[in-house]
Amino acid sequence: MTTLYRAVGPAELDDILTTGAFRNLGSAEGKYFTTSGEAASSYAQQAVKAFGDQPYAGPDPGPQQYFRRVIASYGRSRDSCLGHSKCTPSRTDAKCAESLANPRCAMTAKPDVIINVRFKTADEGGRKTALVGNFYSCPLFVDGEGFDCRVFLGDQKIELGERYLLPVKFLNRDFVVPKLMPGKPITLWEGKDVANGEVSEVLPDA
């Protein structure tokens, strides 16, 4: 048994309390946890600042208000970079941070870049389903490093195998934007490589 932590937003917390289960309310095909409560709390605070999220909630007072603990049988403990600003290549077997991809959430953060991206089909080893909703949270990899981000979908259905121009907002702009330029190859990751593309435009800071 391993103690796992996850940053939980208000909508997800309501759903957990209603259903008694962790469900995917957005386009992600998996849930993201960490073995550190401090990392979950750190991610939640960064997401409020970067993405304009509502404050994350939990059942405990003090610092633990930002995360909810779950005990799960997990085979072996795998570190997660939940709450960290970037993932190094040594952590490529771990799932990076993802806050709740809530289709009801409006785009409140100014994007940092525009990417030209194509999601792999299931036959190519990609996702099983199309993406829907307002945004999709995942790590964006560039030069072997992963950076937490939100890809804004604009409430359109993103079909697998098709190419799209999509705006992206990073959890920590300063860590990644200096590495980017038009034409720079990028990969989106959700437990595996799910999309490939390149930077179309780097947008000025707000």
N, C-alpha and C. Protein backbone atom coordinates (compact mmCIF):
# COMPACT_ATOMS: atom_id res chain seq x y z
N MET A 1 0.85 -1.19 0.00
CA MET A 1 0.00 0.00 0.00
C MET A 1 0.88 1.24 0.00
N THR A 2 0.58 2.16 -0.86
CA THR A 2 1.33 3.40 -0.97
C THR A 2 0.41 4.59 -0.80
N THR A 3 0.84 5.57 -0.04
CA THR A 3 0.06 6.79 0.13
C THR A 3 0.31 7.72 -1.05
N LEU A 4 -0.77 8.08 -1.74
CA LEU A 4 -0.68 8.95 -2.90
C LEU A 4 -1.44 10.24 -2.66
N TYR A 5 -1.01 11.30 -3.32
CA TYR A 5 -1.64 12.62 -3.18
C TYR A 5 -1.97 13.17 -4.56
N ARG A 6 -3.01 14.01 -4.58
CA ARG A 6 -3.42 14.65 -5.83
C ARG A 6 -3.99 16.03 -5.52
N ALA A 7 -3.59 17.02 -6.32
CA ALA A 7 -4.22 18.33 -6.20
C ALA A 7 -5.64 18.24 -6.75
N VAL A 8 -6.61 18.66 -5.95
CA VAL A 8 -8.02 18.48 -6.29
C VAL A 8 -8.72 19.83 -6.32
N GLY A 9 -9.28 20.19 -7.46
CA GLY A 9 -10.03 21.42 -7.59
C GLY A 9 -11.45 21.26 -7.08
N PRO A 10 -12.17 22.36 -6.92
CA PRO A 10 -13.52 22.30 -6.35
C PRO A 10 -14.48 21.40 -7.12
N ALA A 11 -14.45 21.45 -8.45
CA ALA A 11 -15.37 20.62 -9.24
C ALA A 11 -15.07 19.14 -9.06
N GLU A 12 -13.78 18.80 -9.04
CA GLU A 12 -13.43 17.40 -8.86
C GLU A 12 -13.76 16.93 -7.45
N LEU A 13 -13.51 17.78 -6.46
CA LEU A 13 -13.83 17.41 -5.09
C LEU A 13 -15.33 17.13 -4.94
N ASP A 14 -16.16 17.98 -5.54
CA ASP A 14 -17.60 17.75 -5.49
C ASP A 14 -17.96 16.41 -6.13
N ASP A 15 -17.30 16.10 -7.25
CA ASP A 15 -17.58 14.84 -7.93
C ASP A 15 -17.14 13.64 -7.10
N ILE A 16 -15.98 13.77 -6.43
CA ILE A 16 -15.50 12.68 -5.57
C ILE A 16 -16.49 12.44 -4.43
N LEU A 17 -16.95 13.52 -3.81
CA LEU A 17 -17.86 13.38 -2.68
C LEU A 17 -19.21 12.82 -3.13
N THR A 18 -19.60 13.11 -4.36
CA THR A 18 -20.88 12.63 -4.88
C THR A 18 -20.81 11.17 -5.30
N THR A 19 -19.72 10.81 -6.00
CA THR A 19 -19.63 9.46 -6.58
C THR A 19 -18.81 8.49 -5.74
N GLY A 20 -17.95 9.04 -4.86
CA GLY A 20 -17.06 8.18 -4.09
C GLY A 20 -15.94 7.59 -4.92
N ALA A 21 -15.64 8.20 -6.07
CA ALA A 21 -14.62 7.66 -6.97
C ALA A 21 -13.87 8.79 -7.66
N PHE A 22 -12.67 8.47 -8.16
CA PHE A 22 -11.92 9.39 -9.00
C PHE A 22 -12.35 9.14 -10.45
N ARG A 23 -12.94 10.13 -11.08
CA ARG A 23 -13.36 10.00 -12.47
C ARG A 23 -12.69 11.08 -13.31
N ASN A 24 -12.53 10.81 -14.59
CA ASN A 24 -11.99 11.81 -15.49
C ASN A 24 -13.13 12.68 -16.01
N LEU A 25 -13.12 13.96 -15.62
CA LEU A 25 -14.17 14.87 -16.06
C LEU A 25 -13.79 15.60 -17.33
N GLY A 26 -12.53 15.54 -17.70
CA GLY A 26 -12.07 16.20 -18.91
C GLY A 26 -11.59 15.19 -19.92
N SER A 27 -10.60 15.57 -20.73
CA SER A 27 -10.14 14.70 -21.81
C SER A 27 -9.02 13.75 -21.41
N ALA A 28 -8.43 13.93 -20.24
CA ALA A 28 -7.33 13.06 -19.84
C ALA A 28 -7.82 11.62 -19.70
N GLU A 29 -7.00 10.67 -20.12
CA GLU A 29 -7.37 9.26 -20.03
C GLU A 29 -6.76 8.59 -18.81
N GLY A 30 -6.14 9.37 -17.91
CA GLY A 30 -5.59 8.84 -16.67
C GLY A 30 -5.61 9.90 -15.59
N LYS A 31 -5.39 9.48 -14.35
CA LYS A 31 -5.29 10.39 -13.22
C LYS A 31 -3.83 10.56 -12.84
N TYR A 32 -3.49 11.72 -12.28
CA TYR A 32 -2.11 12.04 -11.93
C TYR A 32 -1.99 12.21 -10.42
N PHE A 33 -1.06 11.48 -9.82
CA PHE A 33 -0.84 11.51 -8.39
C PHE A 33 0.63 11.73 -8.10
N THR A 34 0.95 12.01 -6.84
CA THR A 34 2.32 12.11 -6.39
C THR A 34 2.43 11.41 -5.03
N THR A 35 3.63 11.04 -4.67
CA THR A 35 3.85 10.45 -3.36
C THR A 35 4.16 11.49 -2.30
N SER A 36 4.10 12.78 -2.66
CA SER A 36 4.42 13.86 -1.73
C SER A 36 3.25 14.83 -1.60
N GLY A 37 2.76 15.01 -0.39
CA GLY A 37 1.71 15.99 -0.16
C GLY A 37 2.19 17.40 -0.41
N GLU A 38 3.45 17.67 -0.07
CA GLU A 38 4.00 19.00 -0.30
C GLU A 38 4.04 19.34 -1.79
N ALA A 39 4.37 18.33 -2.63
CA ALA A 39 4.40 18.57 -4.07
C ALA A 39 3.01 18.85 -4.61
N ALA A 40 2.01 18.13 -4.11
CA ALA A 40 0.63 18.38 -4.55
C ALA A 40 0.19 19.78 -4.14
N SER A 41 0.53 20.18 -2.92
CA SER A 41 0.18 21.50 -2.44
C SER A 41 0.88 22.58 -3.26
N SER A 42 2.15 22.35 -3.58
CA SER A 42 2.90 23.32 -4.38
C SER A 42 2.29 23.48 -5.76
N TYR A 43 1.93 22.37 -6.39
CA TYR A 43 1.32 22.45 -7.71
C TYR A 43 0.01 23.23 -7.66
N ALA A 44 -0.81 22.95 -6.65
CA ALA A 44 -2.10 23.63 -6.54
C ALA A 44 -1.92 25.14 -6.45
N GLN A 45 -0.97 25.57 -5.64
CA GLN A 45 -0.74 27.00 -5.48
C GLN A 45 -0.22 27.63 -6.78
N GLN A 46 0.66 26.91 -7.50
CA GLN A 46 1.16 27.41 -8.77
C GLN A 46 0.05 27.49 -9.82
N ALA A 47 -0.85 26.50 -9.82
CA ALA A 47 -1.94 26.48 -10.80
C ALA A 47 -2.91 27.63 -10.58
N VAL A 48 -3.16 27.98 -9.33
CA VAL A 48 -4.03 29.12 -9.04
C VAL A 48 -3.42 30.39 -9.61
N LYS A 49 -2.11 30.54 -9.43
CA LYS A 49 -1.43 31.74 -9.91
C LYS A 49 -1.30 31.77 -11.43
N ALA A 50 -0.90 30.64 -12.03
CA ALA A 50 -0.61 30.63 -13.47
C ALA A 50 -1.86 30.54 -14.34
N PHE A 51 -2.82 29.72 -13.90
CA PHE A 51 -3.97 29.44 -14.75
C PHE A 51 -5.25 30.16 -14.31
N GLY A 52 -5.20 30.82 -13.16
CA GLY A 52 -6.40 31.47 -12.67
C GLY A 52 -7.42 30.50 -12.11
N ASP A 53 -6.96 29.32 -11.67
CA ASP A 53 -7.87 28.34 -11.08
C ASP A 53 -8.48 28.85 -9.79
N GLN A 54 -9.64 28.32 -9.45
CA GLN A 54 -10.18 28.54 -8.12
C GLN A 54 -9.27 27.82 -7.13
N PRO A 55 -9.20 28.30 -5.88
CA PRO A 55 -8.36 27.63 -4.88
C PRO A 55 -8.71 26.15 -4.77
N TYR A 56 -7.69 25.34 -4.72
CA TYR A 56 -7.89 23.90 -4.57
C TYR A 56 -8.34 23.61 -3.14
N ALA A 57 -9.04 22.50 -2.96
CA ALA A 57 -9.67 22.21 -1.67
C ALA A 57 -9.30 20.83 -1.18
N GLY A 58 -9.48 20.63 0.14
CA GLY A 58 -9.26 19.34 0.77
C GLY A 58 -9.91 19.32 2.12
N PRO A 59 -9.96 18.16 2.76
CA PRO A 59 -10.69 18.05 4.01
C PRO A 59 -9.94 18.47 5.25
N ASP A 60 -8.64 18.79 5.08
CA ASP A 60 -7.81 19.06 6.25
C ASP A 60 -7.46 20.53 6.34
N PRO A 61 -7.20 21.05 7.55
CA PRO A 61 -6.85 22.46 7.72
C PRO A 61 -5.38 22.72 7.40
N GLY A 62 -5.00 23.98 7.43
CA GLY A 62 -3.60 24.36 7.28
C GLY A 62 -3.08 24.07 5.89
N PRO A 63 -1.78 23.71 5.76
CA PRO A 63 -1.20 23.49 4.44
C PRO A 63 -1.91 22.41 3.64
N GLN A 64 -2.57 21.47 4.33
CA GLN A 64 -3.19 20.36 3.63
C GLN A 64 -4.47 20.76 2.91
N GLN A 65 -4.87 22.01 3.00
CA GLN A 65 -6.07 22.43 2.29
C GLN A 65 -5.93 22.32 0.78
N TYR A 66 -4.70 22.17 0.28
CA TYR A 66 -4.49 22.16 -1.16
C TYR A 66 -4.49 20.77 -1.77
N PHE A 67 -4.60 19.71 -0.98
CA PHE A 67 -4.57 18.40 -1.58
C PHE A 67 -5.43 17.42 -0.79
N ARG A 68 -5.74 16.32 -1.44
CA ARG A 68 -6.54 15.28 -0.82
C ARG A 68 -5.72 14.00 -0.90
N ARG A 69 -5.69 13.23 0.19
CA ARG A 69 -4.89 12.02 0.23
C ARG A 69 -5.72 10.81 -0.15
N VAL A 70 -5.11 9.88 -0.84
CA VAL A 70 -5.78 8.63 -1.16
C VAL A 70 -4.79 7.50 -0.91
N ILE A 71 -5.26 6.41 -0.31
CA ILE A 71 -4.45 5.22 -0.09
C ILE A 71 -4.81 4.23 -1.19
N ALA A 72 -3.81 3.75 -1.90
CA ALA A 72 -4.09 2.86 -3.02
C ALA A 72 -3.03 1.79 -3.12
N SER A 73 -3.42 0.63 -3.62
CA SER A 73 -2.46 -0.42 -3.94
C SER A 73 -1.86 -0.07 -5.28
N TYR A 74 -0.55 0.14 -5.31
CA TYR A 74 0.06 0.74 -6.49
C TYR A 74 1.17 -0.11 -7.08
N GLY A 75 1.25 -1.37 -6.69
CA GLY A 75 2.30 -2.24 -7.22
C GLY A 75 3.64 -1.87 -6.64
N ARG A 76 4.28 -0.88 -7.22
CA ARG A 76 5.52 -0.33 -6.67
C ARG A 76 5.39 1.17 -6.68
N SER A 77 6.09 1.81 -5.79
CA SER A 77 6.01 3.26 -5.71
C SER A 77 6.73 3.89 -6.89
N ARG A 78 6.06 4.82 -7.57
CA ARG A 78 6.69 5.54 -8.67
C ARG A 78 6.60 7.02 -8.37
N ASP A 79 7.77 7.67 -8.37
CA ASP A 79 7.78 9.10 -8.09
C ASP A 79 7.03 9.85 -9.18
N SER A 80 6.40 10.93 -8.80
CA SER A 80 5.73 11.80 -9.76
C SER A 80 6.31 13.19 -9.62
N CYS A 81 6.32 13.93 -10.73
CA CYS A 81 6.81 15.30 -10.67
C CYS A 81 5.65 16.26 -10.46
N LEU A 82 4.56 15.77 -9.87
CA LEU A 82 3.42 16.62 -9.57
C LEU A 82 3.86 17.78 -8.69
N GLY A 83 3.59 18.98 -9.14
CA GLY A 83 3.94 20.16 -8.37
C GLY A 83 5.25 20.78 -8.78
N HIS A 84 6.02 20.07 -9.59
CA HIS A 84 7.29 20.63 -10.02
C HIS A 84 7.12 21.36 -11.34
N SER A 85 8.01 22.30 -11.59
CA SER A 85 7.88 23.13 -12.79
C SER A 85 8.34 22.41 -14.04
N LYS A 86 9.18 21.41 -13.91
CA LYS A 86 9.61 20.69 -15.09
C LYS A 86 10.07 19.29 -14.71
N CYS A 87 10.08 18.38 -15.68
CA CYS A 87 10.46 16.99 -15.46
C CYS A 87 11.74 16.72 -16.22
N THR A 88 12.72 16.16 -15.58
CA THR A 88 13.97 15.86 -16.25
C THR A 88 13.85 14.51 -16.95
N PRO A 89 14.75 14.19 -17.90
CA PRO A 89 14.66 12.91 -18.59
C PRO A 89 14.67 11.72 -17.65
N SER A 90 15.29 11.82 -16.48
CA SER A 90 15.32 10.70 -15.55
C SER A 90 13.95 10.39 -14.97
N ARG A 91 12.99 11.27 -15.17
CA ARG A 91 11.66 11.05 -14.64
C ARG A 91 10.65 10.69 -15.74
N THR A 92 11.12 10.26 -16.88
CA THR A 92 10.20 10.08 -17.99
C THR A 92 9.22 8.93 -17.77
N ASP A 93 9.43 8.07 -16.74
CA ASP A 93 8.45 7.02 -16.47
C ASP A 93 7.39 7.49 -15.49
N ALA A 94 7.47 8.74 -15.07
CA ALA A 94 6.52 9.26 -14.07
C ALA A 94 5.53 10.19 -14.73
N LYS A 95 4.35 10.27 -14.14
CA LYS A 95 3.33 11.16 -14.67
C LYS A 95 3.49 12.55 -14.09
N CYS A 96 3.47 13.54 -14.97
CA CYS A 96 3.61 14.91 -14.53
C CYS A 96 2.27 15.48 -14.11
N ALA A 97 2.33 16.70 -13.62
CA ALA A 97 1.13 17.28 -13.02
C ALA A 97 0.04 17.56 -14.02
N GLU A 98 -1.15 17.32 -13.59
CA GLU A 98 -2.32 17.71 -14.37
C GLU A 98 -3.40 18.15 -13.41
N SER A 99 -3.88 19.35 -13.56
CA SER A 99 -5.04 19.74 -12.78
C SER A 99 -6.27 19.33 -13.56
N LEU A 100 -7.41 19.40 -12.93
CA LEU A 100 -8.65 18.94 -13.52
C LEU A 100 -8.95 19.66 -14.83
N ALA A 101 -9.10 18.89 -15.90
CA ALA A 101 -9.48 19.47 -17.19
C ALA A 101 -10.99 19.59 -17.22
N ASN A 102 -11.49 20.64 -16.67
CA ASN A 102 -12.93 20.83 -16.51
C ASN A 102 -13.49 21.52 -17.74
N PRO A 103 -14.35 20.83 -18.51
CA PRO A 103 -14.88 21.44 -19.73
C PRO A 103 -15.67 22.72 -19.46
N ARG A 104 -16.13 22.93 -18.24
CA ARG A 104 -16.90 24.13 -17.92
C ARG A 104 -16.02 25.32 -17.62
N CYS A 105 -14.72 25.10 -17.49
CA CYS A 105 -13.81 26.17 -17.09
C CYS A 105 -13.50 27.07 -18.29
N ALA A 106 -13.63 28.35 -18.10
CA ALA A 106 -13.32 29.30 -19.17
C ALA A 106 -11.82 29.54 -19.23
N MET A 107 -11.33 29.96 -20.39
CA MET A 107 -9.92 30.27 -20.54
C MET A 107 -9.65 31.63 -19.91
N THR A 108 -9.01 31.59 -18.74
CA THR A 108 -8.79 32.83 -18.00
C THR A 108 -7.33 33.26 -18.04
N ALA A 109 -6.44 32.42 -18.58
CA ALA A 109 -5.01 32.73 -18.62
C ALA A 109 -4.57 33.03 -20.04
N LYS A 110 -3.68 34.01 -20.18
CA LYS A 110 -3.16 34.37 -21.50
C LYS A 110 -2.15 33.32 -21.96
N PRO A 111 -2.32 32.78 -23.17
CA PRO A 111 -1.40 31.74 -23.63
C PRO A 111 0.01 32.27 -23.87
N ASP A 112 0.97 31.35 -23.80
CA ASP A 112 2.38 31.69 -24.00
C ASP A 112 2.86 31.40 -25.42
N VAL A 113 2.33 30.34 -26.03
CA VAL A 113 2.74 29.96 -27.37
C VAL A 113 1.55 29.40 -28.13
N ILE A 114 1.71 29.34 -29.45
CA ILE A 114 0.78 28.62 -30.32
C ILE A 114 1.55 27.43 -30.88
N ILE A 115 0.95 26.23 -30.81
CA ILE A 115 1.61 25.05 -31.36
C ILE A 115 0.80 24.50 -32.52
N ASN A 116 1.50 23.93 -33.48
CA ASN A 116 0.90 23.20 -34.59
C ASN A 116 1.10 21.73 -34.27
N VAL A 117 0.03 21.02 -33.95
CA VAL A 117 0.17 19.70 -33.33
C VAL A 117 -0.80 18.70 -33.93
N ARG A 118 -0.38 17.46 -33.96
CA ARG A 118 -1.21 16.34 -34.41
C ARG A 118 -1.21 15.25 -33.36
N PHE A 119 -2.40 14.86 -32.90
CA PHE A 119 -2.52 13.78 -31.93
C PHE A 119 -2.49 12.44 -32.64
N LYS A 120 -1.69 11.52 -32.13
CA LYS A 120 -1.60 10.18 -32.71
C LYS A 120 -2.93 9.45 -32.59
N THR A 121 -3.17 8.56 -33.53
CA THR A 121 -4.35 7.70 -33.46
C THR A 121 -4.05 6.53 -32.52
N ALA A 122 -5.09 5.80 -32.16
CA ALA A 122 -4.90 4.63 -31.30
C ALA A 122 -4.00 3.60 -31.99
N ASP A 123 -4.16 3.44 -33.29
CA ASP A 123 -3.33 2.48 -34.02
C ASP A 123 -1.86 2.88 -34.04
N GLU A 124 -1.60 4.18 -33.86
CA GLU A 124 -0.22 4.67 -33.83
C GLU A 124 0.36 4.67 -32.41
N GLY A 125 -0.41 4.14 -31.45
CA GLY A 125 0.04 4.11 -30.07
C GLY A 125 -0.34 5.32 -29.26
N GLY A 126 -1.29 6.11 -29.78
CA GLY A 126 -1.71 7.33 -29.08
C GLY A 126 -2.93 7.10 -28.20
N ARG A 127 -3.68 8.17 -28.00
CA ARG A 127 -4.89 8.10 -27.19
C ARG A 127 -5.95 7.24 -27.88
N LYS A 128 -6.95 6.85 -27.06
CA LYS A 128 -8.05 6.06 -27.60
C LYS A 128 -9.21 6.94 -28.07
N THR A 129 -9.31 8.15 -27.52
CA THR A 129 -10.47 9.00 -27.79
C THR A 129 -10.04 10.41 -28.20
N ALA A 130 -10.94 11.10 -28.88
CA ALA A 130 -10.72 12.50 -29.23
C ALA A 130 -10.74 13.36 -27.98
N LEU A 131 -10.23 14.60 -28.08
CA LEU A 131 -10.23 15.53 -26.96
C LEU A 131 -11.42 16.47 -27.09
N VAL A 132 -12.05 16.75 -25.96
CA VAL A 132 -13.18 17.67 -25.93
C VAL A 132 -13.04 18.57 -24.70
N GLY A 133 -13.77 19.68 -24.71
CA GLY A 133 -13.75 20.58 -23.57
C GLY A 133 -13.01 21.86 -23.86
N ASN A 134 -12.71 22.60 -22.80
CA ASN A 134 -12.07 23.90 -22.95
C ASN A 134 -10.56 23.81 -22.99
N PHE A 135 -10.00 22.87 -22.20
CA PHE A 135 -8.55 22.72 -22.21
C PHE A 135 -8.14 21.31 -21.87
N TYR A 136 -6.88 21.00 -22.16
CA TYR A 136 -6.28 19.69 -21.93
C TYR A 136 -4.95 19.91 -21.23
N SER A 137 -4.78 19.28 -20.07
CA SER A 137 -3.56 19.46 -19.27
C SER A 137 -2.62 18.28 -19.46
N CYS A 138 -1.36 18.59 -19.68
CA CYS A 138 -0.36 17.54 -19.89
C CYS A 138 1.03 18.16 -19.83
N PRO A 139 2.07 17.36 -19.75
CA PRO A 139 3.41 17.89 -19.94
C PRO A 139 3.72 18.07 -21.43
N LEU A 140 4.36 19.17 -21.75
CA LEU A 140 4.89 19.41 -23.10
C LEU A 140 6.39 19.21 -23.03
N PHE A 141 6.91 18.32 -23.86
CA PHE A 141 8.34 18.02 -23.86
C PHE A 141 9.05 18.76 -24.98
N VAL A 142 10.19 19.34 -24.63
CA VAL A 142 11.07 19.98 -25.59
C VAL A 142 12.51 19.68 -25.18
N ASP A 143 13.31 19.18 -26.10
CA ASP A 143 14.71 18.83 -25.83
C ASP A 143 14.85 17.91 -24.63
N GLY A 144 13.92 16.97 -24.47
CA GLY A 144 14.03 15.97 -23.41
C GLY A 144 13.52 16.40 -22.05
N GLU A 145 13.02 17.61 -21.92
CA GLU A 145 12.47 18.09 -20.66
C GLU A 145 10.97 18.31 -20.79
N GLY A 146 10.25 17.96 -19.73
CA GLY A 146 8.80 18.13 -19.74
C GLY A 146 8.36 19.30 -18.88
N PHE A 147 7.40 20.07 -19.37
CA PHE A 147 6.93 21.26 -18.68
C PHE A 147 5.40 21.22 -18.60
N ASP A 148 4.87 21.39 -17.39
CA ASP A 148 3.43 21.37 -17.19
C ASP A 148 2.76 22.48 -17.98
N CYS A 149 1.66 22.15 -18.64
CA CYS A 149 0.98 23.16 -19.44
C CYS A 149 -0.49 22.83 -19.58
N ARG A 150 -1.23 23.78 -20.10
CA ARG A 150 -2.60 23.57 -20.55
C ARG A 150 -2.69 23.94 -22.02
N VAL A 151 -3.25 23.04 -22.78
CA VAL A 151 -3.50 23.27 -24.20
C VAL A 151 -4.97 23.68 -24.32
N PHE A 152 -5.22 24.88 -24.78
CA PHE A 152 -6.59 25.37 -24.86
C PHE A 152 -7.26 24.84 -26.13
N LEU A 153 -8.42 24.22 -25.96
CA LEU A 153 -9.12 23.56 -27.05
C LEU A 153 -10.24 24.43 -27.63
N GLY A 154 -10.65 25.44 -26.89
CA GLY A 154 -11.71 26.32 -27.38
C GLY A 154 -13.04 25.63 -27.56
N ASP A 155 -13.29 24.60 -26.74
CA ASP A 155 -14.55 23.86 -26.78
C ASP A 155 -14.78 23.16 -28.13
N GLN A 156 -13.71 23.00 -28.91
CA GLN A 156 -13.85 22.23 -30.15
C GLN A 156 -13.41 20.79 -29.90
N LYS A 157 -13.88 19.89 -30.72
CA LYS A 157 -13.49 18.49 -30.63
C LYS A 157 -12.21 18.30 -31.43
N ILE A 158 -11.16 17.82 -30.76
CA ILE A 158 -9.87 17.61 -31.39
C ILE A 158 -9.78 16.14 -31.80
N GLU A 159 -9.87 15.90 -33.08
CA GLU A 159 -9.87 14.55 -33.60
C GLU A 159 -8.45 13.99 -33.69
N LEU A 160 -8.31 12.71 -33.40
CA LEU A 160 -7.01 12.06 -33.53
C LEU A 160 -6.64 11.97 -35.01
N GLY A 161 -5.36 12.17 -35.29
CA GLY A 161 -4.88 12.08 -36.66
C GLY A 161 -4.99 13.36 -37.45
N GLU A 162 -5.62 14.38 -36.89
CA GLU A 162 -5.76 15.67 -37.56
C GLU A 162 -4.79 16.69 -36.97
N ARG A 163 -4.47 17.72 -37.73
CA ARG A 163 -3.52 18.74 -37.27
C ARG A 163 -4.27 20.01 -36.88
N TYR A 164 -3.83 20.63 -35.77
CA TYR A 164 -4.51 21.82 -35.24
C TYR A 164 -3.48 22.85 -34.79
N LEU A 165 -3.87 24.12 -34.87
CA LEU A 165 -3.14 25.22 -34.23
C LEU A 165 -3.83 25.50 -32.90
N LEU A 166 -3.09 25.33 -31.79
CA LEU A 166 -3.69 25.45 -30.47
C LEU A 166 -2.82 26.31 -29.56
N PRO A 167 -3.42 27.19 -28.76
CA PRO A 167 -2.67 27.99 -27.79
C PRO A 167 -2.33 27.17 -26.55
N VAL A 168 -1.19 27.50 -25.95
CA VAL A 168 -0.69 26.76 -24.78
C VAL A 168 -0.28 27.76 -23.70
N LYS A 169 -0.63 27.44 -22.45
CA LYS A 169 -0.20 28.20 -21.28
C LYS A 169 0.62 27.29 -20.38
N PHE A 170 1.82 27.76 -19.98
CA PHE A 170 2.70 26.96 -19.13
C PHE A 170 2.50 27.30 -17.65
N LEU A 171 2.73 26.29 -16.81
CA LEU A 171 2.68 26.52 -15.37
C LEU A 171 3.75 27.53 -14.95
N ASN A 172 4.92 27.41 -15.55
CA ASN A 172 6.03 28.34 -15.29
C ASN A 172 6.64 28.77 -16.61
N ARG A 173 6.15 29.88 -17.13
CA ARG A 173 6.57 30.38 -18.44
C ARG A 173 8.08 30.57 -18.53
N ASP A 174 8.69 31.12 -17.49
CA ASP A 174 10.11 31.49 -17.56
C ASP A 174 11.03 30.30 -17.75
N PHE A 175 10.58 29.10 -17.33
CA PHE A 175 11.43 27.92 -17.48
C PHE A 175 11.49 27.43 -18.92
N VAL A 176 10.44 27.62 -19.68
CA VAL A 176 10.34 26.96 -20.98
C VAL A 176 10.40 27.90 -22.17
N VAL A 177 9.80 29.10 -22.08
CA VAL A 177 9.72 29.97 -23.25
C VAL A 177 11.10 30.31 -23.83
N PRO A 178 12.15 30.52 -23.02
CA PRO A 178 13.47 30.78 -23.62
C PRO A 178 13.99 29.64 -24.50
N LYS A 179 13.44 28.44 -24.35
CA LYS A 179 13.87 27.30 -25.14
C LYS A 179 13.11 27.19 -26.46
N LEU A 180 12.08 28.03 -26.63
CA LEU A 180 11.17 27.86 -27.76
C LEU A 180 11.37 28.93 -28.83
N MET A 181 11.07 28.53 -30.06
CA MET A 181 11.10 29.44 -31.21
C MET A 181 10.23 28.78 -32.29
N PRO A 182 9.74 29.55 -33.26
CA PRO A 182 8.95 28.95 -34.33
C PRO A 182 9.70 27.81 -35.01
N GLY A 183 9.02 26.70 -35.19
CA GLY A 183 9.62 25.53 -35.80
C GLY A 183 10.22 24.55 -34.83
N LYS A 184 10.32 24.90 -33.54
CA LYS A 184 10.91 24.02 -32.54
C LYS A 184 10.02 22.79 -32.33
N PRO A 185 10.55 21.57 -32.47
CA PRO A 185 9.74 20.37 -32.27
C PRO A 185 9.30 20.22 -30.81
N ILE A 186 8.07 19.77 -30.62
CA ILE A 186 7.53 19.53 -29.27
C ILE A 186 6.74 18.21 -29.28
N THR A 187 6.58 17.66 -28.08
CA THR A 187 5.80 16.45 -27.90
C THR A 187 4.87 16.64 -26.71
N LEU A 188 3.63 16.20 -26.82
CA LEU A 188 2.70 16.18 -25.69
C LEU A 188 2.66 14.76 -25.13
N TRP A 189 2.63 14.66 -23.81
CA TRP A 189 2.82 13.38 -23.12
C TRP A 189 1.69 13.13 -22.14
N GLU A 190 1.14 11.93 -22.18
CA GLU A 190 0.11 11.51 -21.21
C GLU A 190 0.34 10.05 -20.86
N GLY A 191 1.44 9.82 -20.10
CA GLY A 191 1.84 8.45 -19.82
C GLY A 191 2.62 7.84 -20.97
N LYS A 192 2.55 8.46 -22.12
CA LYS A 192 3.24 8.08 -23.35
C LYS A 192 3.15 9.27 -24.29
N ASP A 193 3.92 9.25 -25.37
CA ASP A 193 3.82 10.32 -26.36
C ASP A 193 2.47 10.22 -27.06
N VAL A 194 1.66 11.28 -26.98
CA VAL A 194 0.33 11.24 -27.59
C VAL A 194 0.19 12.21 -28.75
N ALA A 195 1.11 13.16 -28.88
CA ALA A 195 1.02 14.13 -29.96
C ALA A 195 2.39 14.69 -30.28
N ASN A 196 2.61 15.00 -31.54
CA ASN A 196 3.85 15.62 -31.99
C ASN A 196 3.54 16.86 -32.81
N GLY A 197 4.45 17.80 -32.78
CA GLY A 197 4.25 19.01 -33.56
C GLY A 197 5.41 19.95 -33.41
N GLU A 198 5.13 21.23 -33.61
CA GLU A 198 6.18 22.24 -33.49
C GLU A 198 5.56 23.54 -33.04
N VAL A 199 6.41 24.41 -32.54
CA VAL A 199 5.96 25.74 -32.12
C VAL A 199 5.65 26.56 -33.36
N SER A 200 4.49 27.17 -33.39
CA SER A 200 4.11 28.05 -34.50
C SER A 200 4.45 29.50 -34.19
N GLU A 201 4.22 29.91 -32.93
CA GLU A 201 4.44 31.31 -32.54
C GLU A 201 4.69 31.39 -31.05
N VAL A 202 5.65 32.20 -30.65
CA VAL A 202 5.89 32.52 -29.24
C VAL A 202 5.25 33.86 -28.97
N LEU A 203 4.35 33.90 -28.00
CA LEU A 203 3.58 35.12 -27.72
C LEU A 203 4.28 35.94 -26.64
N PRO A 204 4.15 37.27 -26.67
CA PRO A 204 4.77 38.11 -25.63
C PRO A 204 4.13 37.88 -24.28
N ASP A 205 4.90 38.13 -23.24
CA ASP A 205 4.38 38.02 -21.88
C ASP A 205 3.33 39.10 -21.66
N ALA A 206 2.41 38.82 -20.72
CA ALA A 206 1.33 39.78 -20.45
C ALA A 206 1.92 41.05 -19.85
